[in-house]
Protein backbone atom coordinates (compact mmCIF):
# COMPACT_ATOMS: atom_id res chain seq x y z
CA MET A 1 119.16 113.58 64.14
CA ARG A 2 120.37 112.78 67.66
CA LEU A 3 118.95 110.23 70.10
CA LEU A 4 119.19 111.00 73.80
CA ALA A 5 118.81 108.27 76.43
CA THR A 6 117.98 109.71 79.85
CA GLY A 7 119.94 108.48 82.82
CA ARG A 8 123.24 109.81 81.46
CA PRO A 9 125.34 111.66 84.04
CA GLY A 10 124.69 115.40 84.04
CA GLN A 11 128.36 116.19 83.39
CA GLU A 12 128.14 114.41 80.04
CA LEU A 13 125.56 116.92 78.90
CA ALA A 14 127.02 119.99 80.55
CA ASP A 15 129.07 121.04 77.53
CA TRP A 16 126.28 120.57 74.99
CA SER A 17 125.64 123.62 72.86
CA LYS A 18 122.26 124.95 71.77
CA GLU A 19 122.88 123.29 68.41
CA ASP A 20 123.60 119.94 70.10
CA TRP A 21 120.30 120.08 71.96
CA GLY A 22 118.51 121.20 68.82
CA ARG A 23 119.49 118.01 67.02
CA VAL A 24 117.71 115.82 69.57
CA GLU A 25 114.49 114.54 68.03
CA VAL A 26 114.06 111.30 69.98
CA LEU A 27 114.40 110.60 73.69
CA LEU A 28 114.51 107.12 75.21
CA LYS A 29 113.52 106.87 78.87
CA CYS A 30 114.98 103.65 80.21
CA GLY A 31 116.69 102.00 83.15
CA THR A 32 115.34 100.01 86.10
CA GLY A 33 115.46 100.37 89.85
CA LYS A 34 118.18 102.76 91.02
CA ASP A 35 119.37 103.15 87.43
CA ALA A 36 115.99 104.34 86.14
CA SER A 37 115.80 107.87 84.85
CA THR A 38 113.43 110.17 86.71
CA LYS A 39 110.70 112.59 85.75
CA GLN A 40 112.75 115.39 87.33
CA GLU A 41 115.72 114.65 85.07
CA LEU A 42 113.52 115.07 82.04
CA GLN A 43 111.94 118.22 83.39
CA ASP A 44 115.40 119.68 84.01
CA ILE A 45 116.43 119.27 80.37
CA TRP A 46 113.00 119.95 78.88
CA PRO A 47 113.68 123.65 78.09
CA HIS A 48 116.66 122.60 75.96
CA LEU A 49 114.72 120.04 73.90
CA THR A 50 113.41 122.52 71.38
CA ASN A 51 113.25 120.06 68.47
CA LEU A 52 112.02 116.98 70.34
CA LYS A 53 109.45 114.97 68.39
CA TRP A 54 109.14 111.63 70.19
CA ILE A 55 109.74 110.11 73.64
CA HIS A 56 109.71 106.37 74.18
CA SER A 57 109.34 104.85 77.63
CA ALA A 58 110.91 101.41 78.06
CA SER A 59 108.31 100.87 80.77
CA ALA A 60 104.63 100.13 80.19
CA GLY A 61 103.59 102.62 82.87
CA VAL A 62 104.18 106.30 82.12
CA GLU A 63 103.08 107.92 85.40
CA LYS A 64 106.74 108.62 86.21
CA LEU A 65 107.26 110.29 82.85
CA LEU A 66 104.35 112.63 82.19
CA PHE A 67 104.35 116.22 83.42
CA PRO A 68 102.20 119.24 82.40
CA GLU A 69 104.56 120.73 79.80
CA LEU A 70 104.98 117.38 78.06
CA ILE A 71 101.26 116.64 78.14
CA LYS A 72 100.45 119.99 76.50
CA SER A 73 103.19 119.65 73.89
CA LYS A 74 103.01 118.05 70.45
CA VAL A 75 105.70 115.52 71.39
CA SER A 76 104.52 111.94 70.80
CA VAL A 77 104.97 109.45 73.64
CA THR A 78 105.09 105.69 73.20
CA ASN A 79 105.47 102.97 75.81
CA ALA A 80 106.53 99.34 76.12
CA LYS A 81 103.00 97.92 76.04
CA GLY A 82 103.19 94.23 75.28
CA ALA A 83 106.83 93.74 76.26
CA TYR A 84 105.99 92.51 79.76
CA SER A 85 102.45 91.19 79.37
CA HIS A 86 103.22 87.47 79.23
CA SER A 87 105.61 87.41 82.19
CA LEU A 88 103.13 89.38 84.31
CA ALA A 89 100.29 87.10 83.27
CA GLU A 90 102.36 84.04 84.22
CA TRP A 91 103.00 85.52 87.66
CA ALA A 92 99.31 86.25 88.14
CA LEU A 93 98.33 82.66 87.40
CA THR A 94 101.17 81.43 89.62
CA ALA A 95 99.72 83.50 92.46
CA CYS A 96 96.28 82.02 91.86
CA SER A 97 97.76 78.51 91.95
CA TRP A 98 99.71 79.38 95.11
CA PHE A 99 96.42 79.69 96.98
CA ALA A 100 94.48 77.03 95.05
CA LYS A 101 97.07 74.37 95.91
CA ASP A 102 97.85 75.84 99.36
CA LEU A 103 101.56 75.78 98.62
CA PRO A 104 102.56 77.36 101.98
CA ARG A 105 101.02 74.33 103.72
CA LEU A 106 102.84 72.02 101.33
CA LYS A 107 106.21 73.59 102.14
CA GLN A 108 105.51 73.56 105.87
CA GLN A 109 104.61 69.86 105.77
CA GLN A 110 107.80 69.15 103.86
CA LYS A 111 109.80 71.06 106.47
CA ASP A 112 108.03 69.11 109.25
CA ARG A 113 108.46 65.77 107.41
CA ASN A 114 104.70 65.44 107.70
CA TRP A 115 103.07 63.17 105.09
CA GLU A 116 99.47 64.34 105.47
CA PRO A 117 97.34 64.42 102.30
CA TYR A 118 94.93 67.34 102.00
CA TYR A 119 92.37 68.61 99.50
CA VAL A 120 93.40 71.16 96.91
CA GLU A 121 91.39 73.40 94.62
CA GLU A 122 91.30 73.48 90.84
CA LEU A 123 91.34 76.72 88.90
CA ARG A 124 89.10 75.04 86.34
CA GLY A 125 85.61 76.47 86.53
CA LYS A 126 86.57 79.34 88.82
CA VAL A 127 85.68 82.91 87.87
CA LEU A 128 88.62 85.22 87.19
CA GLY A 129 87.79 88.91 87.34
CA VAL A 130 90.30 91.05 85.44
CA VAL A 131 90.36 94.67 86.60
CA GLY A 132 92.00 96.60 83.78
CA TYR A 133 91.51 94.75 80.51
CA GLY A 134 94.39 96.23 78.56
CA ASP A 135 97.26 94.28 77.06
CA ILE A 136 98.37 92.76 80.38
CA GLY A 137 94.82 91.95 81.46
CA GLN A 138 94.04 90.33 78.12
CA GLU A 139 97.17 88.17 78.24
CA THR A 140 96.22 87.09 81.77
CA ALA A 141 92.77 86.12 80.52
CA ASN A 142 94.32 84.13 77.67
CA LEU A 143 96.44 82.09 80.08
CA ALA A 144 93.53 81.65 82.49
CA ARG A 145 91.42 80.16 79.70
CA ALA A 146 94.06 77.45 79.34
CA PHE A 147 93.17 76.53 82.95
CA LYS A 148 89.49 76.53 81.88
CA MET A 149 88.63 79.49 84.10
CA SER A 150 85.64 81.70 83.33
CA ILE A 151 86.64 85.31 82.58
CA ILE A 152 84.88 88.58 83.38
CA ALA A 153 86.60 91.92 82.97
CA LEU A 154 86.45 95.60 83.83
CA ARG A 155 87.61 98.29 81.45
CA ARG A 156 86.95 101.97 80.87
CA ARG A 157 85.97 101.44 77.24
CA LYS A 158 83.62 98.56 76.56
CA GLU A 159 84.75 97.99 72.97
CA LEU A 160 85.82 94.39 72.46
CA SER A 161 88.08 92.64 70.00
CA GLN A 162 86.46 90.07 67.72
CA HIS A 163 88.22 87.39 69.76
CA ASP A 164 86.49 88.53 72.94
CA LYS A 165 83.15 88.88 71.18
CA ASP A 166 83.44 85.30 70.00
CA LEU A 167 84.04 84.22 73.59
CA ASN A 168 81.03 86.23 74.84
CA LEU A 169 83.21 88.05 77.37
CA LYS A 170 81.19 89.90 80.00
CA ILE A 171 82.48 93.45 80.48
CA TYR A 172 81.95 95.68 83.52
CA THR A 173 82.47 99.44 83.63
CA PRO A 174 84.33 101.14 86.52
CA ASP A 175 81.07 101.97 88.30
CA GLN A 176 80.34 98.21 88.39
CA LEU A 177 83.59 97.27 90.12
CA ASN A 178 81.90 96.00 93.28
CA GLU A 179 79.73 93.66 91.21
CA LEU A 180 82.79 92.20 89.49
CA MET A 181 84.60 91.77 92.82
CA ALA A 182 81.59 89.96 94.31
CA GLU A 183 81.24 87.57 91.39
CA SER A 184 84.94 86.62 91.14
CA ASP A 185 86.78 83.79 92.84
CA TYR A 186 90.13 85.29 91.83
CA ILE A 187 90.74 88.92 90.93
CA VAL A 188 93.72 90.16 88.95
CA ALA A 189 94.27 93.92 88.91
CA ALA A 190 96.31 95.15 85.94
CA LEU A 191 95.58 98.86 86.10
CA PRO A 192 97.85 101.76 85.15
CA HIS A 193 98.24 104.50 87.74
CA THR A 194 96.40 107.71 86.83
CA ASP A 195 94.34 110.26 88.73
CA LYS A 196 91.22 108.23 87.91
CA THR A 197 92.65 104.88 89.02
CA GLU A 198 94.16 106.13 92.30
CA LYS A 199 92.75 103.73 94.94
CA LEU A 200 90.08 102.62 92.47
CA VAL A 201 90.02 99.28 94.27
CA ASN A 202 88.73 100.80 97.49
CA ALA A 203 87.41 99.43 100.78
CA ALA A 204 83.91 98.92 99.38
CA ALA A 205 85.28 96.91 96.47
CA ILE A 206 87.51 94.78 98.70
CA ASN A 207 84.67 94.15 101.14
CA SER A 208 82.52 92.98 98.22
CA MET A 209 84.83 90.01 97.66
CA LYS A 210 83.95 86.47 98.60
CA ARG A 211 85.53 85.20 101.83
CA THR A 212 87.28 82.61 99.69
CA GLY A 213 88.38 85.28 97.20
CA VAL A 214 92.00 85.97 96.26
CA PHE A 215 93.22 89.39 95.10
CA VAL A 216 96.26 89.62 92.81
CA ASN A 217 97.88 92.89 91.74
CA ILE A 218 100.30 93.05 88.80
CA GLY A 219 99.48 96.63 87.81
CA ARG A 220 100.32 99.51 90.13
CA GLY A 221 100.14 99.56 93.92
CA GLN A 222 98.61 103.02 93.99
CA THR A 223 95.43 101.69 92.37
CA VAL A 224 94.49 99.85 95.59
CA ASP A 225 93.46 101.12 99.01
CA GLU A 226 96.25 99.24 100.74
CA GLU A 227 95.02 99.94 104.27
CA ALA A 228 91.64 98.43 103.43
CA LEU A 229 93.32 95.43 101.82
CA VAL A 230 95.55 94.85 104.85
CA LYS A 231 92.53 95.06 107.16
CA ALA A 232 90.62 92.49 105.08
CA LEU A 233 93.64 90.17 105.10
CA GLN A 234 94.25 90.56 108.84
CA ASP A 235 90.60 89.86 109.62
CA LYS A 236 90.58 86.88 107.21
CA ARG A 237 87.76 88.68 105.41
CA ILE A 238 89.30 87.33 102.17
CA ARG A 239 91.48 84.27 101.63
CA GLY A 240 94.62 86.02 100.47
CA ALA A 241 96.50 88.35 98.15
CA GLY A 242 99.35 88.01 95.67
CA LEU A 243 101.12 91.34 95.31
CA ASP A 244 103.88 92.11 92.83
CA VAL A 245 103.38 95.82 93.55
CA THR A 246 102.63 97.89 96.64
CA TYR A 247 101.54 101.45 97.31
CA THR A 248 105.04 102.47 98.43
CA GLU A 249 108.11 100.87 96.89
CA PRO A 250 110.40 99.64 98.29
CA LEU A 251 107.89 98.38 100.84
CA PRO A 252 108.72 99.93 104.26
CA LYS A 253 109.97 97.38 106.78
CA GLU A 254 107.21 98.36 109.22
CA ASN A 255 104.46 97.63 106.69
CA PRO A 256 102.15 94.89 108.03
CA LEU A 257 102.10 93.10 104.66
CA TRP A 258 105.49 91.58 105.53
CA ASP A 259 103.97 89.65 108.45
CA LEU A 260 100.81 88.28 106.86
CA ASP A 261 100.89 84.56 106.13
CA ASN A 262 98.04 84.90 103.62
CA VAL A 263 100.06 87.21 101.35
CA LEU A 264 102.40 86.24 98.53
CA LEU A 265 104.73 89.23 98.21
CA SER A 266 107.07 90.03 95.32
CA PRO A 267 109.42 93.06 95.13
CA HIS A 268 108.03 94.18 91.75
CA THR A 269 109.92 91.43 89.95
CA ALA A 270 107.15 89.58 88.09
CA ASP A 271 108.40 90.92 84.76
CA ARG A 272 112.10 90.98 85.62
CA THR A 273 113.15 88.10 83.41
CA THR A 274 116.64 87.56 82.05
CA THR A 275 115.53 88.96 78.69
CA PHE A 276 113.14 91.76 79.63
CA GLN A 277 115.54 94.63 79.00
CA ALA A 278 116.70 93.28 75.64
CA GLU A 279 113.10 92.73 74.57
CA ALA A 280 112.11 96.24 75.61
CA ILE A 281 115.00 97.77 73.67
CA GLN A 282 114.19 95.63 70.65
CA GLN A 283 110.69 97.07 70.74
CA PHE A 284 112.18 100.58 70.75
CA THR A 285 114.44 99.63 67.85
CA ASP A 286 111.44 98.46 65.85
CA LEU A 287 109.65 101.72 66.58
CA ALA A 288 112.74 103.73 65.67
CA LYS A 289 112.78 102.10 62.23
CA LEU A 290 109.21 103.26 61.70
CA TYR A 291 110.11 106.75 62.87
CA VAL A 292 113.06 107.04 60.48
CA GLN A 293 110.85 105.82 57.63
CA GLY A 294 108.21 108.40 58.49
CA LYS A 295 105.64 105.73 59.27
CA GLU A 296 103.01 105.71 61.99
CA LEU A 297 104.18 104.60 65.44
CA TYR A 298 102.32 102.06 67.55
CA ASN A 299 101.90 101.98 71.36
CA VAL A 300 101.16 105.71 71.30
CA VAL A 301 100.13 106.98 74.75
CA ASP A 302 97.12 109.21 75.27
CA LYS A 303 98.92 111.79 77.36
CA GLU A 304 95.73 113.29 78.76
CA ILE A 305 94.43 109.94 79.98
CA GLY A 306 97.84 108.67 81.10
CA TYR A 307 98.20 105.39 79.21
């Protein structure tokens, strides 16, 4: 059996024989930023991977991996679900606190040497709406409960874990998004990007928010109508937004989000901890042990749905 990690220079593979390719059963898609392997690289070598059984993505999102031939094939795909959930949840609650404590004002007063006490807001008792109640959304809810926030959530499937049943979690379906947005004080979007989630958080949803509402996105930028969000922020229709992701990345320098003082902007680094790559590879290693032993893999992606 041979393992192939994408991102290797093409010249390294140029002299591979048909037999070499035929020994590849497992493919690891890894790398970050400029070093990340691309969907096109995989498509280029796909015809050679005649014995491929399993692809693992070291990313939680697989929208940059899936293509028609792979989706139709019998090749199993797993992802890094769970590897980044806690760091993303921490960032989401940090963004909520950023607005609750009005930290920009605090820093400005420090810069101005201005000792002027002001009122701050508690997260305790506030309603957190989680849009996308998968692993990341659930971890965000867990941390928010430590702040004594009330949780409501949106998910495609309404099935709940026993833990959530015990907490009497209120679940909304995608057609009830506007209701969730209207009820929430803080909204955390943790959606994967698929055809069905493209701009799911649209203008109507954003305009349903409270004027004091804060929108936080730790999922994918393409799941939000960014123009509508910018308009709401510019018009002070909502209090603010904390964005770890944007529709286009890197964010173009002419994008108005750069200039908005009611936006906390992160260059998709909420999960970029000093250990994130090692933890993601450890997860792959654990899965590889199961594969070699012929046991069932976890984190298996539904290729048709896209996550």
